[in-house]
Structure formats: C-alpha cells, structure tokens
C-alpha atoms as a PDB file:
ATOM      1  CA  MET A   1       1.354   1.626  10.548  1.00  0.00           C
ATOM      2  CA  SER A   2      -0.118  -0.553   7.865  1.00  0.00           C
ATOM      3  CA  TYR A   3      -1.497  -3.043  10.412  1.00  0.00           C
ATOM      4  CA  ARG A   4      -3.682  -0.402  12.102  1.00  0.00           C
ATOM      5  CA  ILE A   5      -4.764   1.150   8.814  1.00  0.00           C
ATOM      6  CA  LYS A   6      -5.751  -2.274   7.538  1.00  0.00           C
ATOM      7  CA  ASN A   7      -7.820  -2.772  10.690  1.00  0.00           C
ATOM      8  CA  ALA A   8      -9.638   0.483   9.889  1.00  0.00           C
ATOM      9  CA  LEU A   9     -10.194  -0.703   6.315  1.00  0.00           C
ATOM     10  CA  GLU A  10     -11.527  -4.051   7.542  1.00  0.00           C
ATOM     11  CA  VAL A  11     -14.165  -2.233   9.596  1.00  0.00           C
ATOM     12  CA  CYS A  12     -15.066   0.109   6.719  1.00  0.00           C
ATOM     13  CA  HIS A  13     -15.245  -2.657   4.147  1.00  0.00           C
ATOM     14  CA  ALA A  14     -17.322  -4.865   6.474  1.00  0.00           C
ATOM     15  CA  LYS A  15     -19.882  -2.028   6.420  1.00  0.00           C
ATOM     16  CA  ASN A  16     -19.505  -1.653   2.619  1.00  0.00           C
ATOM     17  CA  ILE A  17     -17.815   1.736   3.000  1.00  0.00           C
ATOM     18  CA  ILE A  18     -15.072   2.677   0.534  1.00  0.00           C
ATOM     19  CA  HIS A  19     -12.707   5.392   1.811  1.00  0.00           C
ATOM     20  CA  ARG A  20     -11.717   6.529  -1.718  1.00  0.00           C
ATOM     21  CA  ASP A  21      -8.833   8.809  -0.689  1.00  0.00           C
ATOM     22  CA  ILE A  22      -6.178   6.806   1.126  1.00  0.00           C
ATOM     23  CA  LYS A  23      -2.904   8.713   0.958  1.00  0.00           C
ATOM     24  CA  PRO A  24      -0.142   9.629   3.436  1.00  0.00           C
ATOM     25  CA  ALA A  25      -1.813  12.965   4.300  1.00  0.00           C
ATOM     26  CA  ASN A  26      -4.919  11.070   5.499  1.00  0.00           C
ATOM     27  CA  ILE A  27      -2.998   8.822   7.878  1.00  0.00           C
ATOM     28  CA  MET A  28      -2.748  10.526  11.260  1.00  0.00           C
ATOM     29  CA  VAL A  29      -0.722   9.679  14.365  1.00  0.00           C
ATOM     30  CA  SER A  30      -2.447   9.949  17.750  1.00  0.00           C
ATOM     31  CA  PRO A  31      -0.640  11.429  20.789  1.00  0.00           C
ATOM     32  CA  LYS A  32      -0.019   7.833  21.938  1.00  0.00           C
ATOM     33  CA  GLY A  33       1.624   6.988  18.619  1.00  0.00           C
ATOM     34  CA  TYR A  34      -1.255   5.038  17.071  1.00  0.00           C
ATOM     35  CA  PHE A  35      -1.892   5.415  13.368  1.00  0.00           C
ATOM     36  CA  LYS A  36      -5.417   6.428  12.396  1.00  0.00           C
ATOM     37  CA  LEU A  37      -7.125   6.652   9.041  1.00  0.00           C
ATOM     38  CA  GLY A  38      -8.694  10.080   8.685  1.00  0.00           C
ATOM     39  CA  ASP A  39     -10.616  12.279   6.273  1.00  0.00           C
ATOM     40  CA  PHE A  40     -13.720  10.265   5.521  1.00  0.00           C
ATOM     41  CA  GLY A  41     -15.206  13.270   3.701  1.00  0.00           C
ATOM     42  CA  VAL A  42     -15.288  11.408   0.378  1.00  0.00           C
ATOM     43  CA  ALA A  43     -15.993   7.941   1.816  1.00  0.00           C
ATOM     44  CA  ARG A  44     -19.196   6.385   0.520  1.00  0.00           C
ATOM     45  CA  GLN A  45     -21.302   3.303   0.991  1.00  0.00           C
ATOM     46  CA  GLN A  46     -20.616   0.928  -1.871  1.00  0.00           C
ATOM     47  CA  ILE A  47     -23.654   0.567  -4.085  1.00  0.00           C
ATOM     48  CA  SER A  48     -22.992  -2.101  -6.727  1.00  0.00           C
ATOM     49  CA  GLY A  49     -20.062  -0.709  -8.646  1.00  0.00           C
ATOM     50  CA  THR A  50     -19.423   2.854  -7.543  1.00  0.00           C
ATOM     51  CA  MET A  51     -18.167   4.988 -10.453  1.00  0.00           C
ATOM     52  CA  THR A  52     -17.469   8.525  -9.160  1.00  0.00           C
ATOM     53  CA  VAL A  53     -13.899   9.658  -9.876  1.00  0.00           C
ATOM     54  CA  ILE A  54     -12.634  10.999  -6.568  1.00  0.00           C
ATOM     55  CA  GLY A  55      -9.362  10.859  -4.655  1.00  0.00           C
ATOM     56  CA  SER A  56      -5.710  11.764  -5.171  1.00  0.00           C
ATOM     57  CA  TYR A  57      -4.335  10.748  -8.566  1.00  0.00           C
ATOM     58  CA  ASP A  58      -0.978   9.506  -7.255  1.00  0.00           C
ATOM     59  CA  PHE A  59      -2.676   6.971  -4.975  1.00  0.00           C
ATOM     60  CA  MET A  60      -5.790   6.313  -7.096  1.00  0.00           C
ATOM     61  CA  ALA A  61      -6.645   2.900  -8.520  1.00  0.00           C
ATOM     62  CA  PRO A  62      -6.735   2.772 -12.341  1.00  0.00           C
ATOM     63  CA  GLU A  63     -10.419   1.802 -12.498  1.00  0.00           C
ATOM     64  CA  VAL A  64     -11.371   4.843 -10.396  1.00  0.00           C
ATOM     65  CA  TYR A  65      -9.387   7.169 -12.660  1.00  0.00           C
ATOM     66  CA  LYS A  66     -11.015   5.645 -15.747  1.00  0.00           C
ATOM     67  CA  GLY A  67     -14.508   6.201 -14.301  1.00  0.00           C
ATOM     68  CA  MET A  68     -15.216   2.463 -14.289  1.00  0.00           C
ATOM     69  CA  PRO A  69     -17.120   0.612 -11.547  1.00  0.00           C
ATOM     70  CA  TYR A  70     -14.959  -0.061  -8.489  1.00  0.00           C
ATOM     71  CA  ASN A  71     -15.192  -1.602  -5.054  1.00  0.00           C
ATOM     72  CA  GLN A  72     -13.090  -1.994  -1.895  1.00  0.00           C
ATOM     73  CA  THR A  73     -10.100  -3.210  -3.911  1.00  0.00           C
ATOM     74  CA  ALA A  74      -9.620   0.443  -4.946  1.00  0.00           C
ATOM     75  CA  ASP A  75      -8.759   1.165  -1.285  1.00  0.00           C
ATOM     76  CA  ILE A  76      -6.379  -1.823  -1.305  1.00  0.00           C
ATOM     77  CA  TYR A  77      -4.624  -0.329  -4.345  1.00  0.00           C
ATOM     78  CA  SER A  78      -4.312   3.067  -2.637  1.00  0.00           C
ATOM     79  CA  LEU A  79      -2.888   1.526   0.523  1.00  0.00           C
ATOM     80  CA  GLY A  80      -0.411  -0.446  -1.589  1.00  0.00           C
ATOM     81  CA  MET A  81       0.714   2.825  -3.173  1.00  0.00           C
ATOM     82  CA  VAL A  82       1.158   4.353   0.303  1.00  0.00           C
ATOM     83  CA  LEU A  83       3.317   1.376   1.321  1.00  0.00           C
ATOM     84  CA  TYR A  84       5.327   1.740  -1.883  1.00  0.00           C
ATOM     85  CA  TYR A  85       5.807   5.452  -1.174  1.00  0.00           C
ATOM     86  CA  LEU A  86       6.937   4.856   2.411  1.00  0.00           C
ATOM     87  CA  ALA A  87       9.246   1.938   1.595  1.00  0.00           C
ATOM     88  CA  ASN A  88      10.806   3.740  -1.364  1.00  0.00           C
ATOM     89  CA  ASP A  89      12.066   6.870   0.420  1.00  0.00           C
ATOM     90  CA  PHE A  90       8.900   8.884  -0.345  1.00  0.00           C
ATOM     91  CA  LYS A  91       9.067   8.333  -4.097  1.00  0.00           C
ATOM     92  CA  LEU A  92       6.188   7.082  -6.217  1.00  0.00           C
ATOM     93  CA  PRO A  93       6.497   4.966  -9.356  1.00  0.00           C
ATOM     94  CA  PHE A  94       7.559   7.142 -12.272  1.00  0.00           C
ATOM     95  CA  SER A  95       8.295  10.033  -9.892  1.00  0.00           C
ATOM     96  CA  GLU A  96      10.513  11.538 -12.587  1.00  0.00           C
ATOM     97  CA  ILE A  97       7.287  12.459 -14.427  1.00  0.00           C
ATOM     98  CA  GLN A  98       6.075  15.864 -13.194  1.00  0.00           C
ATOM     99  CA  SER A  99       2.301  15.583 -13.654  1.00  0.00           C
ATOM    100  CA  SER A 100       0.166  13.344 -11.396  1.00  0.00           C
ATOM    101  CA  ILE A 101      -2.149  12.647 -14.328  1.00  0.00           C
ATOM    102  CA  ASP A 102       0.787  11.632 -16.540  1.00  0.00           C
ATOM    103  CA  ARG A 103       2.111   9.350 -13.766  1.00  0.00           C
ATOM    104  CA  ILE A 104      -1.231   7.551 -13.356  1.00  0.00           C
ATOM    105  CA  ASN A 105      -1.576   7.213 -17.129  1.00  0.00           C
ATOM    106  CA  ARG A 106       1.892   5.655 -17.239  1.00  0.00           C
ATOM    107  CA  ARG A 107       1.054   3.249 -14.395  1.00  0.00           C
ATOM    108  CA  MET A 108      -2.144   2.182 -16.155  1.00  0.00           C
ATOM    109  CA  ASN A 109      -0.463   1.652 -19.510  1.00  0.00           C
ATOM    110  CA  GLU A 110       2.409  -0.487 -18.260  1.00  0.00           C
ATOM    111  CA  ASP A 111       2.450  -4.124 -17.363  1.00  0.00           C
ATOM    112  CA  THR A 112       2.868  -3.315 -13.684  1.00  0.00           C
ATOM    113  CA  GLU A 113       4.750  -6.463 -12.689  1.00  0.00           C
ATOM    114  CA  TRP A 114       7.292  -6.263 -15.505  1.00  0.00           C
ATOM    115  CA  GLU A 115       7.679  -2.494 -15.597  1.00  0.00           C
ATOM    116  CA  TRP A 116       8.078  -1.883 -11.886  1.00  0.00           C
ATOM    117  CA  LYS A 117      10.229  -4.912 -11.233  1.00  0.00           C
ATOM    118  CA  HIS A 118      12.684  -4.169 -14.035  1.00  0.00           C
ATOM    119  CA  LYS A 119      12.828  -0.380 -13.944  1.00  0.00           C
ATOM    120  CA  LEU A 120      12.874  -0.056 -10.162  1.00  0.00           C
ATOM    121  CA  PRO A 121      15.209  -2.878  -9.111  1.00  0.00           C
ATOM    122  CA  ILE A 122      13.205  -4.285  -6.265  1.00  0.00           C
ATOM    123  CA  TRP A 123      12.323  -0.663  -5.579  1.00  0.00           C
ATOM    124  CA  GLY A 124      15.514   0.148  -3.710  1.00  0.00           C
ATOM    125  CA  LEU A 125      13.950  -1.482  -0.673  1.00  0.00           C
ATOM    126  CA  THR A 126      17.275  -3.106   0.178  1.00  0.00           C
ATOM    127  CA  THR A 127      18.408   0.002   2.019  1.00  0.00           C
ATOM    128  CA  ASN A 128      15.240   0.135   4.106  1.00  0.00           C
ATOM    129  CA  ILE A 129      14.613  -3.528   4.852  1.00  0.00           C
ATOM    130  CA  LYS A 130      17.506  -5.641   6.046  1.00  0.00           C
ATOM    131  CA  ASN A 131      16.058  -9.143   5.716  1.00  0.00           C
ATOM    132  CA  LYS A 132      16.039 -10.270   2.063  1.00  0.00           C
ATOM    133  CA  MET A 133      13.097 -12.619   2.644  1.00  0.00           C
ATOM    134  CA  SER A 134      11.039  -9.852   4.241  1.00  0.00           C
ATOM    135  CA  GLU A 135      11.961  -7.564   1.372  1.00  0.00           C
ATOM    136  CA  GLU A 136      10.579 -10.090  -1.113  1.00  0.00           C
ATOM    137  CA  ILE A 137       7.421 -10.571   0.953  1.00  0.00           C
ATOM    138  CA  LEU A 138       6.917  -6.799   1.112  1.00  0.00           C
ATOM    139  CA  TYR A 139       7.602  -6.529  -2.613  1.00  0.00           C
ATOM    140  CA  ASP A 140       5.056  -9.267  -3.388  1.00  0.00           C
ATOM    141  CA  THR A 141       2.521  -7.709  -1.018  1.00  0.00           C
ATOM    142  CA  VAL A 142       2.780  -4.272  -2.597  1.00  0.00           C
ATOM    143  CA  MET A 143       2.802  -5.717  -6.134  1.00  0.00           C
ATOM    144  CA  THR A 144      -0.379  -7.661  -5.361  1.00  0.00           C
ATOM    145  CA  ALA A 145      -2.057  -4.614  -3.802  1.00  0.00           C
ATOM    146  CA  CYS A 146      -1.066  -2.406  -6.764  1.00  0.00           C
ATOM    147  CA  ALA A 147      -2.063  -4.748  -9.572  1.00  0.00           C
ATOM    148  CA  ASN A 148      -3.752  -2.848 -12.399  1.00  0.00           C
ATOM    149  CA  ASP A 149      -6.438  -5.551 -12.588  1.00  0.00           C
ATOM    150  CA  PRO A 150      -8.703  -5.340  -9.499  1.00  0.00           C
ATOM    151  CA  LYS A 151      -9.268  -9.117  -9.642  1.00  0.00           C
ATOM    152  CA  ALA A 152      -5.512  -9.700  -9.254  1.00  0.00           C
ATOM    153  CA  ARG A 153      -5.353  -7.583  -6.063  1.00  0.00           C
ATOM    154  CA  TYR A 154      -6.038  -8.654  -2.523  1.00  0.00           C
ATOM    155  CA  GLN A 155      -9.791  -8.935  -2.320  1.00  0.00           C
ATOM    156  CA  SER A 156      -9.869  -7.802   1.305  1.00  0.00           C
ATOM    157  CA  ALA A 157      -7.813  -5.813   3.790  1.00  0.00           C
ATOM    158  CA  THR A 158      -7.654  -8.986   5.900  1.00  0.00           C
ATOM    159  CA  ALA A 159      -5.801 -10.897   3.180  1.00  0.00           C
ATOM    160  CA  MET A 160      -3.282  -8.079   2.757  1.00  0.00           C
ATOM    161  CA  LYS A 161      -2.858  -7.725   6.517  1.00  0.00           C
ATOM    162  CA  ARG A 162      -2.026 -11.420   6.803  1.00  0.00           C
ATOM    163  CA  ASP A 163       0.941 -11.066   4.415  1.00  0.00           C
ATOM    164  CA  LEU A 164       2.175  -7.919   6.158  1.00  0.00           C
ATOM    165  CA  ILE A 165       2.051  -9.673   9.537  1.00  0.00           C
ATOM    166  CA  ILE A 166       4.294 -12.404   8.095  1.00  0.00           C
ATOM    167  CA  CYS A 167       6.660  -9.724   6.783  1.00  0.00           C
ATOM    168  CA  MET A 168       6.776  -7.863  10.114  1.00  0.00           C
ATOM    169  CA  ASP A 169       7.344 -11.107  12.040  1.00  0.00           C
ATOM    170  CA  LYS A 170      10.384 -11.840   9.890  1.00  0.00           C
ATOM    171  CA  ILE A 171      11.782  -8.314  10.300  1.00  0.00           C
ATOM    172  CA  CYS A 172      11.233  -8.367  14.091  1.00  0.00           C
ATOM    173  CA  THR A 173      12.805 -11.828  14.405  1.00  0.00           C
ATOM    174  CA  LEU A 174      15.867 -10.677  12.472  1.00  0.00           C
ATOM    175  CA  GLU A 175      16.206  -7.507  14.574  1.00  0.00           C
ATOM    176  CA  LYS A 176      15.822  -9.474  17.826  1.00  0.00           C
ATOM    177  CA  ARG A 177      18.511 -11.947  16.734  1.00  0.00           C
ATOM    178  CA  LYS A 178      20.784  -9.042  15.801  1.00  0.00           C
ATOM    179  CA  ASP A 179      20.181  -7.357  19.194  1.00  0.00           C
ATOM    180  CA  ASN A 180      20.822 -10.648  21.031  1.00  0.00           C
ATOM    181  CA  TRP A 181      24.032 -11.151  19.042  1.00  0.00           C
ATOM    182  CA  GLU A 182      25.238  -7.625  19.843  1.00  0.00           C
ATOM    183  CA  ALA A 183      24.433  -8.130  23.550  1.00  0.00           C
ATOM    184  CA  ALA A 184      26.234 -11.497  23.581  1.00  0.00           C
ATOM    185  CA  LYS A 185      29.328  -9.972  21.971  1.00  0.00           C
ATOM    186  CA  LYS A 186      29.532  -7.383  24.784  1.00  0.00           C
ATOM    187  CA  LYS A 187      29.618 -10.037  27.531  1.00  0.00           C
END
C-alpha cells in the first residue's frame, strides 16, 4: 500500500502539489487491488510556505494545525500517521483521548520520540510484524515521518519509500524462508 501511495506523492511533490488530506479514507483500492490516493479536492500547488489549515486533525502535521508555513513534509507526516494507524490495529497515538483536537494538541506538546516510544512499547507492532529487524525499521520509518519538527522528517516521499522497501524486503525474505521451511518439513 505505502509503496504505491508514495509513488503518487512523488509525482505530486515533483509538481509542487501538496495533497493536504492524506488519511485512510482517501486511500482507495482499484478493482485489480492497486492502492490509489484519492480526494484531491483540497490539494494545492505549493507557493512558498502554504499556511491554510485544512485536512483531518488526526492525520494533520503540527505546523498545518498551528497555521504555520508548511510544505510537502506535511504530506509525509500524514502518511506516517496512516502507517502508524494501520500497523497499530487501527489505533492512533493517544487514542484514549476522545477529541481529535485534544489528540493533536497532545502530539504537538510531547517529545514525540520519547513519548511514543515509552508509552506505546514499540507500538504493539510485534503482533503484526514477525521480523524484529523489520519491526525496528518500520518503527524508525514512522517515527521519522511523524517527527514534530518538519526538518527532522523525510524531506521527500522518495526517501521514505526507500526505507519502506528495505522493510518490505526483510519481511518478504522472512516469509519466504518460513514457507520454504514448512514445505521442506512436509517432504
């Protein structure tokens, strides 16, 4: 999923377009099973530090919420939040807090690395990702994408995609070895 969405972001960002509302509801699946990024209704051409507050609070970058200038790294943040949501059994950080606005305020006021890592022990990803190394790569990828400071995030969808490809390669290699082992045991 994330590979195809990152491809869509690469194309948008190459044309200086910021999607501004990346969230699970805007990721569609085609009849052939391909993931597509949809709902470009709020997408805009980036004009030196866009400042309009628009998007879904739960997936919104802190600088967008604060009404500060932002760029394509706001989309990177949103995609990181989608990955977090998917990898964490459809739960967002601080999901125990009822209000979306209160959740984003909490995310912005915490030292993301310390808070998330210590309060959400590696995000419970262990149940969803079998390979410990891949889990750490995914954790690092999402943490980088969701950094509160835009300069600490991936600066392009290409950079984020590269780390996710490494993660997927490790997961696929592990699964293939497991399948080969199971097949060998049956012989």
